[in-house]
Amino acid sequence: MGYFAIAGNYVLLMLYSIVSWWILHYFYRMVTGTSLSAIWSCP
């Protein structure tokens, strides 16, 4: 059971890391004034 809990904590840490990166990236785009739709547009 201990190894399962450790693995679960790592999964949660990865999830929170991704979500926090999304939030910081969104904030950076908002501050710099870059269009958020430009992220998803294909060249």
Protein backbone atom coordinates (compact mmCIF):
# COMPACT_ATOMS: atom_id res chain seq x y z
CA MET A 1 0.00 0.00 0.00
CA GLY A 2 2.91 2.35 0.66
CA TYR A 3 4.22 2.16 -2.88
CA PHE A 4 0.75 2.83 -4.26
CA ALA A 5 0.50 5.98 -2.15
CA ILE A 6 3.91 7.19 -3.31
CA ALA A 7 2.98 6.57 -6.96
CA GLY A 8 -0.31 8.41 -6.43
CA ASN A 9 1.52 11.38 -4.97
CA TYR A 10 3.82 11.52 -7.99
CA VAL A 11 0.83 11.46 -10.35
CA LEU A 12 -0.81 14.30 -8.43
CA LEU A 13 2.44 16.28 -8.48
CA MET A 14 2.68 15.85 -12.26
CA LEU A 15 -0.94 16.94 -12.71
CA TYR A 16 -0.51 20.01 -10.52
CA SER A 17 2.73 20.89 -12.31
CA ILE A 18 0.99 20.83 -15.70
CA VAL A 19 -1.98 22.87 -14.47
CA SER A 20 0.25 25.45 -12.79
CA TRP A 21 2.30 25.76 -15.99
CA TRP A 22 -0.93 26.38 -17.95
CA ILE A 23 -1.94 29.10 -15.48
CA LEU A 24 1.47 30.80 -15.59
CA HIS A 25 1.54 30.59 -19.39
CA TYR A 26 -1.94 32.12 -19.61
CA PHE A 27 -0.91 34.90 -17.21
CA TYR A 28 2.25 35.57 -19.26
CA ARG A 29 0.22 35.77 -22.46
CA MET A 30 -2.29 38.09 -20.78
CA VAL A 31 0.43 40.42 -19.45
CA THR A 32 2.34 40.61 -22.73
CA GLY A 33 -0.87 41.11 -24.71
CA THR A 34 -0.26 38.17 -27.01
CA SER A 35 -3.46 36.75 -28.41
CA LEU A 36 -4.40 33.49 -26.76
CA SER A 37 -5.88 32.26 -30.04
CA ALA A 38 -2.40 32.57 -31.59
CA ILE A 39 -1.32 29.62 -29.47
CA TRP A 40 -3.68 27.24 -31.25
CA SER A 41 -3.51 28.65 -34.77
CA CYS A 42 -1.58 26.65 -37.34
CA PRO A 43 0.89 28.48 -39.57
